[in-house]
Amino acid sequence: MKKNNTKLSLLIVSSVVSAVIPLTSVAENKVAIQMQTYQENDDRIKVQDGKMSIEHDFGLDHTLNVEFDWDSISGASPTWDTVSGASQTATSDASTGASSCIDEEGNYYTLCRDTRAIAGIIGDGSSNLDDFSYSNVELEDHRNSAALLYTYRTRKMRNEISVGVSYSKESDFINTGISAEYMMYTDTSKNRAITVGVSYMANEVYDYAIDKWHDFSLINYQVGITQVFNSHMVGKFNVFYMAEEGHLSNPYFNVVRRINVTQGELVTLGSPVNFKYYLARESRPEQRKAGGISAQTVSQLNDYTQWHISYRFYQDSWDVDSHTIESKSYHRVTDKIRLSPALRYYRQGAANFFKAHDATDYVFDETGYASADHRLGNFDSLTVQFAVEYLPTDKLTWNIVTGYQQQSSGLTFAWVNFGAQYHY
């Protein structure tokens, strides 16, 4: 799960690195390997990633894709903690100073309510907000994953049926996925195709604070139409829907809650409110529904240049919405060298239970959903990328990709990707 703390950022990287839709699709046997280094600012997340993929055709009707991925993550992830770092163990005392409800021997006064029964509370709290800080918490993990995709083409219309399986494992996160997709040409000219797909992921996440594994699942549906306008332009339009259900809270993110520790009967008698502040695990709804649209075009401007442009809109039941615009072009400057600059703009609205750590009011009430995860907040980002491909022979391609992203939240990160692809 530590790895998944940066999953959004890495998905952003992947979406820029990959091509949108090709003008032509040629089945070829090939093997590729990629090595990537990813680094965030302020000594935060660093990832070393390796990937190997193999594509092989068994005759004209069958294609098998296999991918292996291994990576290591280290650094630190920002979250709310006490100054003493009490959240790092399940039994730590979060109190760093004098408590308004605990005497010198550690006993609760009569007027104070026992907050230890409230779910997610860490330690005995504090009357002073200065005892809490939003700081980096160290982490380290490794991930290994494998995926397989099989595609069958029908004899007459060459429609494609694809099925896939995937598996990923970290020390505190396990993911198992299956997928199926059907692409159907609407006529013999093959200028229009309709694609229907569905995928399902079963996930297990370990909560170290209570020594327990939690389950959650994700199902995704997608319907798309691809249209060949002419020999120089292809377009694709998608509608998607997804639903997550289960334990969606992240055990590595905390919030600060404000609790009235005065006992209920004393409140009834008019006793003054007595607030204390507690570090608590974040809490998200156990269901999330989302949907949106995406549109993409690929244009062949001339014999040496292609231009890809795409737009995506997303909206979910947590009130998070986003707009993404991306432009990427390919320029063959010689027979052996191709350049690919890319530019991506992303804008997102916040979840209805999010409070930024640097907001005027960053404290949550005793009950209700709560998160300070910056990935659920308001922000926009700009990503730039530049790739160089070198083709020494018709069968071998070397590539290097470098990119940088800056977010309005203050997060910046950069990556470098080295790889090679061999056709056999």
Protein backbone atom coordinates (compact mmCIF):
# COMPACT_ATOMS: atom_id res chain seq x y z
CA MET A 1 0.00 0.00 0.00
CA LYS A 2 2.96 2.30 0.52
CA LYS A 3 3.62 1.95 -3.15
CA ASN A 4 0.03 2.93 -3.87
CA ASN A 5 0.54 6.23 -2.07
CA THR A 6 2.16 7.37 -5.30
CA LYS A 7 -0.06 5.45 -7.65
CA LEU A 8 -1.81 8.56 -8.97
CA SER A 9 1.48 10.20 -9.84
CA LEU A 10 2.75 7.10 -11.60
CA LEU A 11 -0.48 6.75 -13.55
CA ILE A 12 0.00 10.31 -14.73
CA VAL A 13 3.48 9.38 -15.92
CA SER A 14 2.21 6.28 -17.70
CA SER A 15 -0.56 8.14 -19.47
CA VAL A 16 1.95 10.53 -21.00
CA VAL A 17 4.51 7.91 -21.94
CA SER A 18 2.07 5.69 -23.82
CA ALA A 19 0.77 6.49 -27.29
CA VAL A 20 -2.92 7.28 -27.67
CA ILE A 21 -4.10 5.31 -30.72
CA PRO A 22 -2.05 4.30 -33.76
CA LEU A 23 -2.96 5.09 -37.33
CA THR A 24 -2.09 1.53 -38.29
CA SER A 25 -1.89 -1.65 -36.25
CA VAL A 26 0.71 -4.18 -37.36
CA ALA A 27 1.09 -7.45 -35.51
CA GLU A 28 4.76 -8.14 -34.80
CA ASN A 29 6.67 -10.39 -32.46
CA LYS A 30 8.68 -8.23 -30.09
CA VAL A 31 10.32 -8.05 -26.68
CA ALA A 32 10.94 -4.83 -24.76
CA ILE A 33 12.57 -3.81 -21.51
CA GLN A 34 12.21 -0.49 -19.69
CA MET A 35 13.99 0.92 -16.63
CA GLN A 36 12.63 4.01 -14.89
CA THR A 37 13.78 6.32 -12.10
CA TYR A 38 11.15 8.50 -10.45
CA GLN A 39 11.86 11.17 -7.80
CA GLU A 40 9.64 13.63 -5.89
CA ASN A 41 10.75 16.88 -4.29
CA ASP A 42 11.51 17.44 -0.57
CA ASP A 43 13.16 14.03 -0.18
CA ARG A 44 9.83 12.32 -0.73
CA ILE A 45 9.07 9.26 -2.83
CA LYS A 46 11.76 7.66 -4.97
CA VAL A 47 10.98 4.68 -7.22
CA GLN A 48 13.26 2.39 -9.20
CA ASP A 49 11.16 0.45 -11.70
CA GLY A 50 11.89 -2.27 -14.21
CA LYS A 51 9.55 -3.79 -16.79
CA MET A 52 9.86 -6.50 -19.42
CA SER A 53 7.15 -7.25 -22.00
CA ILE A 54 6.83 -9.87 -24.70
CA GLU A 55 4.34 -9.94 -27.60
CA HIS A 56 4.10 -13.04 -29.76
CA ASP A 57 1.75 -14.00 -32.61
CA PHE A 58 0.64 -17.60 -33.02
CA GLY A 59 -0.44 -17.47 -36.64
CA LEU A 60 -2.72 -14.68 -37.82
CA ASP A 61 -5.51 -15.22 -35.32
CA HIS A 62 -3.81 -15.39 -31.92
CA THR A 63 -1.61 -12.94 -30.02
CA LEU A 64 -0.18 -13.28 -26.51
CA ASN A 65 1.20 -10.38 -24.46
CA VAL A 66 3.10 -11.04 -21.23
CA GLU A 67 4.48 -8.36 -18.92
CA PHE A 68 6.62 -8.54 -15.78
CA ASP A 69 7.16 -5.53 -13.53
CA TRP A 70 9.38 -5.11 -10.48
CA ASP A 71 10.11 -1.97 -8.52
CA SER A 72 11.29 -0.63 -5.20
CA ILE A 73 10.04 2.44 -3.40
CA SER A 74 11.72 4.46 -0.66
CA GLY A 75 11.57 7.90 0.88
CA ALA A 76 8.76 9.47 2.85
CA SER A 77 5.07 10.26 2.46
CA PRO A 78 3.49 13.37 4.07
CA THR A 79 0.68 12.95 6.62
CA TRP A 80 -0.48 14.31 9.96
CA ASP A 81 1.50 13.08 12.96
CA THR A 82 2.34 14.15 16.46
CA VAL A 83 5.58 16.01 17.06
CA SER A 84 6.79 12.89 18.89
CA GLY A 85 5.92 10.64 15.93
CA ALA A 86 3.31 8.70 17.87
CA SER A 87 1.43 7.36 14.85
CA GLN A 88 4.22 5.03 13.81
CA THR A 89 3.21 2.28 16.22
CA ALA A 90 -0.23 1.07 17.17
CA THR A 91 0.43 1.42 20.92
CA SER A 92 2.18 4.80 20.96
CA ASP A 93 0.95 7.59 23.22
CA ALA A 94 -0.01 10.55 21.07
CA SER A 95 0.07 12.98 23.98
CA THR A 96 3.15 15.20 23.95
CA GLY A 97 2.27 17.55 26.76
CA ALA A 98 -0.05 18.18 29.65
CA SER A 99 -3.54 16.78 29.10
CA SER A 100 -6.73 18.45 30.26
CA CYS A 101 -8.22 15.03 30.98
CA ILE A 102 -5.30 12.95 32.35
CA ASP A 103 -3.67 13.35 35.73
CA GLU A 104 0.02 12.90 36.49
CA GLU A 105 -0.47 9.16 36.97
CA GLY A 106 -2.10 8.75 33.56
CA ASN A 107 -5.69 8.37 34.84
CA TYR A 108 -8.72 10.09 33.32
CA TYR A 109 -10.49 12.73 35.37
CA THR A 110 -14.18 12.15 36.11
CA LEU A 111 -15.34 15.01 33.87
CA CYS A 112 -13.57 13.58 30.83
CA ARG A 113 -14.95 10.93 28.56
CA ASP A 114 -12.92 7.90 27.51
CA THR A 115 -12.12 8.55 23.86
CA ARG A 116 -10.16 5.34 23.45
CA ALA A 117 -13.36 3.62 22.28
CA ILE A 118 -13.67 5.94 19.26
CA ALA A 119 -12.55 4.16 16.09
CA GLY A 120 -9.31 5.36 14.56
CA ILE A 121 -8.07 7.40 17.53
CA ILE A 122 -4.33 7.16 18.20
CA GLY A 123 -3.08 7.83 21.73
CA ASP A 124 -4.55 10.17 24.36
CA GLY A 125 -4.62 13.41 22.45
CA SER A 126 -3.58 16.93 23.40
CA SER A 127 -5.13 20.28 24.23
CA ASN A 128 -2.57 22.08 22.05
CA LEU A 129 -2.65 21.94 18.24
CA ASP A 130 1.06 22.74 18.23
CA ASP A 131 1.61 19.14 19.33
CA PHE A 132 0.64 18.02 15.80
CA SER A 133 2.54 18.54 12.57
CA TYR A 134 2.11 17.64 8.91
CA SER A 135 5.38 15.92 8.13
CA ASN A 136 6.98 13.14 6.14
CA VAL A 137 6.78 9.58 7.42
CA GLU A 138 9.48 7.23 6.16
CA LEU A 139 8.54 4.23 4.04
CA GLU A 140 10.14 1.49 2.01
CA ASP A 141 8.64 -1.35 0.01
CA HIS A 142 9.04 -3.60 -3.02
CA ARG A 143 6.52 -4.72 -5.61
CA ASN A 144 6.43 -7.52 -8.15
CA SER A 145 3.69 -7.96 -10.72
CA ALA A 146 2.81 -9.96 -13.80
CA ALA A 147 0.10 -9.59 -16.45
CA LEU A 148 -1.05 -11.71 -19.38
CA LEU A 149 -3.32 -10.70 -22.28
CA TYR A 150 -4.59 -13.07 -24.96
CA THR A 151 -6.26 -11.79 -28.16
CA TYR A 152 -8.22 -13.82 -30.69
CA ARG A 153 -9.27 -12.51 -34.12
CA THR A 154 -12.33 -13.91 -35.85
CA ARG A 155 -11.74 -15.40 -39.31
CA LYS A 156 -14.25 -13.42 -41.36
CA MET A 157 -14.52 -9.90 -39.90
CA ARG A 158 -11.25 -9.93 -37.91
CA ASN A 159 -13.10 -8.77 -34.80
CA GLU A 160 -10.96 -9.07 -31.66
CA ILE A 161 -11.75 -10.83 -28.37
CA SER A 162 -9.24 -10.15 -25.58
CA VAL A 163 -9.02 -11.61 -22.08
CA GLY A 164 -6.42 -10.77 -19.45
CA VAL A 165 -5.26 -11.58 -15.93
CA SER A 166 -2.87 -9.72 -13.63
CA TYR A 167 -1.32 -10.10 -10.19
CA SER A 168 0.65 -7.66 -8.05
CA LYS A 169 2.07 -8.07 -4.55
CA GLU A 170 3.71 -5.82 -1.98
CA SER A 171 4.34 -6.41 1.70
CA ASP A 172 1.04 -4.73 2.60
CA PHE A 173 -0.97 -4.76 -0.64
CA ILE A 174 -2.15 -7.55 -2.97
CA ASN A 175 -4.00 -7.01 -6.24
CA THR A 176 -5.59 -9.61 -8.52
CA GLY A 177 -7.31 -8.55 -11.74
CA ILE A 178 -9.20 -9.98 -14.70
CA SER A 179 -10.43 -8.24 -17.86
CA ALA A 180 -12.31 -8.91 -21.09
CA GLU A 181 -12.81 -6.80 -24.21
CA TYR A 182 -14.59 -7.23 -27.53
CA MET A 183 -13.82 -5.05 -30.56
CA MET A 184 -16.27 -5.33 -33.44
CA TYR A 185 -15.98 -3.76 -36.90
CA THR A 186 -19.31 -2.41 -38.11
CA ASP A 187 -18.69 -3.21 -41.79
CA THR A 188 -16.17 -4.81 -44.13
CA SER A 189 -14.37 -1.51 -44.79
CA LYS A 190 -13.19 -1.54 -41.15
CA ASN A 191 -13.44 2.24 -40.92
CA ARG A 192 -15.51 2.03 -37.74
CA ALA A 193 -15.16 -0.23 -34.71
CA ILE A 194 -17.11 -0.52 -31.45
CA THR A 195 -15.31 -1.70 -28.33
CA VAL A 196 -16.91 -3.01 -25.13
CA GLY A 197 -14.75 -3.87 -22.13
CA VAL A 198 -14.99 -4.80 -18.47
CA SER A 199 -12.36 -5.34 -15.79
CA TYR A 200 -12.46 -6.41 -12.15
CA MET A 201 -9.80 -6.05 -9.45
CA ALA A 202 -9.81 -7.68 -6.02
CA ASN A 203 -7.51 -5.96 -3.53
CA GLU A 204 -6.22 -6.69 -0.05
CA VAL A 205 -4.57 -4.00 2.08
CA TYR A 206 -2.85 -4.51 5.43
CA ASP A 207 -3.58 -2.11 8.28
CA TYR A 208 -0.52 -2.27 10.51
CA ALA A 209 -2.20 -0.30 13.32
CA ILE A 210 -4.68 -3.09 14.06
CA ASP A 211 -2.81 -6.01 12.45
CA LYS A 212 -5.62 -6.79 10.02
CA TRP A 213 -6.08 -7.26 6.27
CA HIS A 214 -8.97 -5.40 4.58
CA ASP A 215 -10.64 -6.11 1.22
CA PHE A 216 -11.89 -3.76 -1.47
CA SER A 217 -12.78 -4.23 -5.12
CA LEU A 218 -12.94 -2.18 -8.31
CA ILE A 219 -15.05 -2.89 -11.38
CA ASN A 220 -14.73 -0.86 -14.57
CA TYR A 221 -16.94 -0.77 -17.67
CA GLN A 222 -16.03 0.99 -20.91
CA VAL A 223 -17.70 1.45 -24.28
CA GLY A 224 -15.90 3.14 -27.15
CA ILE A 225 -16.14 3.85 -30.85
CA THR A 226 -13.16 4.25 -33.17
CA GLN A 227 -13.62 6.03 -36.51
CA VAL A 228 -11.21 6.26 -39.43
CA PHE A 229 -12.02 9.61 -41.04
CA ASN A 230 -9.51 9.30 -43.87
CA SER A 231 -6.04 7.92 -44.54
CA HIS A 232 -4.52 10.63 -42.33
CA MET A 233 -6.85 10.82 -39.31
CA VAL A 234 -8.32 8.42 -36.72
CA GLY A 235 -10.58 9.33 -33.79
CA LYS A 236 -11.83 7.47 -30.71
CA PHE A 237 -14.57 8.31 -28.20
CA ASN A 238 -15.07 6.42 -24.89
CA VAL A 239 -17.66 6.38 -22.13
CA PHE A 240 -16.59 4.71 -18.87
CA TYR A 241 -18.08 3.81 -15.49
CA MET A 242 -16.36 2.37 -12.45
CA ALA A 243 -17.34 1.37 -8.92
CA GLU A 244 -15.16 0.70 -5.88
CA GLU A 245 -16.43 -1.00 -2.75
CA GLY A 246 -14.88 -2.11 0.53
CA HIS A 247 -12.19 -0.64 2.76
CA LEU A 248 -11.12 2.40 0.72
CA SER A 249 -9.39 4.30 3.57
CA ASN A 250 -5.60 4.37 3.53
CA PRO A 251 -3.99 3.16 6.81
CA TYR A 252 -0.95 5.39 6.22
CA PHE A 253 -2.88 8.69 6.23
CA ASN A 254 -3.98 10.50 9.39
CA VAL A 255 -6.15 13.51 10.24
CA VAL A 256 -6.60 15.70 13.34
CA ARG A 257 -10.02 15.47 15.02
CA ARG A 258 -11.59 17.78 17.61
CA ILE A 259 -13.55 15.99 20.35
CA ASN A 260 -15.59 17.35 23.26
CA VAL A 261 -14.31 15.18 26.11
CA THR A 262 -16.86 16.46 28.66
CA GLN A 263 -19.17 13.66 29.72
CA GLY A 264 -22.67 13.67 28.27
CA GLU A 265 -24.53 14.21 31.55
CA LEU A 266 -22.38 17.21 32.38
CA VAL A 267 -23.08 18.73 28.97
CA THR A 268 -26.79 18.38 29.74
CA LEU A 269 -26.26 20.28 32.99
CA GLY A 270 -24.63 23.13 31.08
CA SER A 271 -20.96 22.40 31.74
CA PRO A 272 -18.65 24.27 29.34
CA VAL A 273 -17.35 22.52 26.22
CA ASN A 274 -13.96 20.96 26.78
CA PHE A 275 -12.23 20.24 23.45
CA LYS A 276 -9.21 18.03 22.93
CA TYR A 277 -7.42 17.25 19.67
CA TYR A 278 -6.64 13.71 18.57
CA LEU A 279 -4.64 12.11 15.82
CA ALA A 280 -6.90 9.66 13.95
CA ARG A 281 -6.78 7.43 10.91
CA GLU A 282 -8.41 8.96 7.86
CA SER A 283 -11.91 7.72 7.04
CA ARG A 284 -13.37 7.42 3.53
CA PRO A 285 -16.76 6.10 2.35
CA GLU A 286 -16.79 2.38 1.62
CA GLN A 287 -18.27 2.96 -1.82
CA ARG A 288 -17.17 5.11 -4.72
CA LYS A 289 -18.90 5.40 -8.08
CA ALA A 290 -17.37 7.30 -10.97
CA GLY A 291 -17.82 7.90 -14.66
CA GLY A 292 -16.74 10.07 -17.52
CA ILE A 293 -15.82 10.43 -21.15
CA SER A 294 -12.65 10.60 -23.18
CA ALA A 295 -11.91 11.61 -26.76
CA GLN A 296 -8.72 11.11 -28.77
CA THR A 297 -7.51 11.85 -32.29
CA VAL A 298 -4.37 10.92 -34.21
CA SER A 299 -3.45 12.88 -37.32
CA GLN A 300 -0.75 12.16 -39.87
CA LEU A 301 0.36 15.69 -40.75
CA ASN A 302 2.96 14.53 -43.29
CA ASP A 303 5.29 11.62 -43.92
CA TYR A 304 7.41 12.58 -40.93
CA THR A 305 4.97 13.93 -38.32
CA GLN A 306 2.07 12.57 -36.26
CA TRP A 307 0.01 14.58 -33.76
CA HIS A 308 -1.98 13.01 -30.91
CA ILE A 309 -4.46 15.04 -28.87
CA SER A 310 -6.86 13.84 -26.16
CA TYR A 311 -9.37 15.09 -23.58
CA ARG A 312 -10.82 13.29 -20.53
CA PHE A 313 -13.54 14.26 -18.05
CA TYR A 314 -14.05 12.41 -14.74
CA GLN A 315 -16.68 12.76 -11.98
CA ASP A 316 -17.28 10.59 -8.90
CA SER A 317 -19.63 10.27 -5.95
CA TRP A 318 -17.07 11.87 -3.61
CA ASP A 319 -17.44 15.13 -5.58
CA VAL A 320 -14.00 14.74 -7.14
CA ASP A 321 -14.03 15.90 -10.76
CA SER A 322 -11.19 16.40 -13.21
CA HIS A 323 -10.35 17.61 -16.70
CA THR A 324 -7.30 16.41 -18.63
CA ILE A 325 -5.96 17.77 -21.91
CA GLU A 326 -2.93 16.18 -23.52
CA SER A 327 -0.96 16.81 -26.69
CA LYS A 328 1.83 14.65 -28.06
CA SER A 329 3.61 14.63 -31.40
CA TYR A 330 6.06 12.32 -33.18
CA HIS A 331 8.72 13.75 -35.49
CA ARG A 332 10.96 11.52 -37.59
CA VAL A 333 13.96 13.78 -38.13
CA THR A 334 16.02 11.06 -39.89
CA ASP A 335 15.50 7.44 -40.85
CA LYS A 336 17.01 6.44 -37.52
CA ILE A 337 15.86 9.15 -35.06
CA ARG A 338 12.36 10.08 -33.87
CA LEU A 339 11.54 12.83 -31.34
CA SER A 340 8.34 12.94 -29.25
CA PRO A 341 7.51 16.02 -27.13
CA ALA A 342 4.37 15.94 -24.96
CA LEU A 343 2.41 18.43 -22.88
CA ARG A 344 -0.37 17.62 -20.40
CA TYR A 345 -2.64 19.82 -18.28
CA TYR A 346 -4.74 18.42 -15.43
CA ARG A 347 -7.24 20.13 -13.12
CA GLN A 348 -9.10 18.52 -10.20
CA GLY A 349 -11.79 19.49 -7.70
CA ALA A 350 -11.67 18.30 -4.09
CA ALA A 351 -13.58 15.50 -2.37
CA ASN A 352 -16.36 16.66 -0.05
CA PHE A 353 -14.57 15.25 3.02
CA PHE A 354 -11.11 16.68 2.28
CA LYS A 355 -9.29 19.40 4.27
CA ALA A 356 -5.83 20.56 3.26
CA HIS A 357 -3.15 20.49 5.94
CA ASP A 358 -2.38 24.18 5.33
CA ALA A 359 -6.02 25.35 5.28
CA THR A 360 -7.32 27.83 7.87
CA ASP A 361 -9.54 25.08 9.28
CA TYR A 362 -7.81 21.72 8.98
CA VAL A 363 -9.38 20.03 12.04
CA PHE A 364 -12.24 17.55 11.63
CA ASP A 365 -15.12 16.90 14.00
CA GLU A 366 -15.40 13.73 16.06
CA THR A 367 -17.46 11.83 13.49
CA GLY A 368 -17.77 11.82 9.71
CA TYR A 369 -15.50 11.04 6.79
CA ALA A 370 -12.16 12.82 6.83
CA SER A 371 -8.99 12.92 4.74
CA ALA A 372 -5.98 15.20 4.32
CA ASP A 373 -4.58 13.22 1.39
CA HIS A 374 -3.52 15.91 -1.11
CA ARG A 375 -4.53 13.64 -4.01
CA LEU A 376 -8.19 14.23 -3.02
CA GLY A 377 -7.83 18.03 -2.94
CA ASN A 378 -8.13 20.95 -5.33
CA PHE A 379 -5.07 21.25 -7.55
CA ASP A 380 -3.90 21.56 -11.10
CA SER A 381 -0.73 20.28 -12.72
CA LEU A 382 1.37 20.74 -15.81
CA THR A 383 3.45 17.88 -17.22
CA VAL A 384 6.11 18.17 -19.89
CA GLN A 385 7.91 15.24 -21.46
CA PHE A 386 10.48 14.66 -24.18
CA ALA A 387 11.38 11.31 -25.76
CA VAL A 388 14.09 10.30 -28.20
CA GLU A 389 13.98 7.03 -30.16
CA TYR A 390 16.96 5.63 -32.03
CA LEU A 391 16.44 2.87 -34.63
CA PRO A 392 19.85 1.45 -35.58
CA THR A 393 18.18 -1.39 -37.54
CA ASP A 394 14.70 -2.34 -38.67
CA LYS A 395 14.42 -4.71 -35.71
CA LEU A 396 15.91 -2.74 -32.81
CA THR A 397 14.76 0.50 -31.15
CA TRP A 398 16.42 2.32 -28.26
CA ASN A 399 14.57 5.05 -26.37
CA ILE A 400 15.03 7.54 -23.58
CA VAL A 401 12.15 9.49 -22.01
CA THR A 402 12.46 12.33 -19.53
CA GLY A 403 9.63 14.25 -17.91
CA TYR A 404 8.71 16.71 -15.20
CA GLN A 405 5.45 17.62 -13.45
CA GLN A 406 4.59 20.55 -11.20
CA GLN A 407 1.39 20.68 -9.14
CA SER A 408 -0.24 23.71 -7.54
CA SER A 409 -0.22 21.72 -4.26
CA GLY A 410 3.56 22.12 -4.15
CA LEU A 411 4.40 18.59 -5.29
CA THR A 412 6.90 18.27 -8.11
CA PHE A 413 8.46 15.14 -9.54
CA ALA A 414 10.65 14.05 -12.41
CA TRP A 415 11.45 10.77 -14.11
CA VAL A 416 13.83 9.26 -16.62
CA ASN A 417 13.03 6.12 -18.59
CA PHE A 418 15.53 4.03 -20.57
CA GLY A 419 14.43 1.17 -22.78
CA ALA A 420 14.89 -1.03 -25.81
CA GLN A 421 12.55 -2.98 -28.10
CA TYR A 422 13.52 -5.83 -30.39
CA HIS A 423 11.36 -7.27 -33.19
CA TYR A 424 11.99 -10.91 -33.96
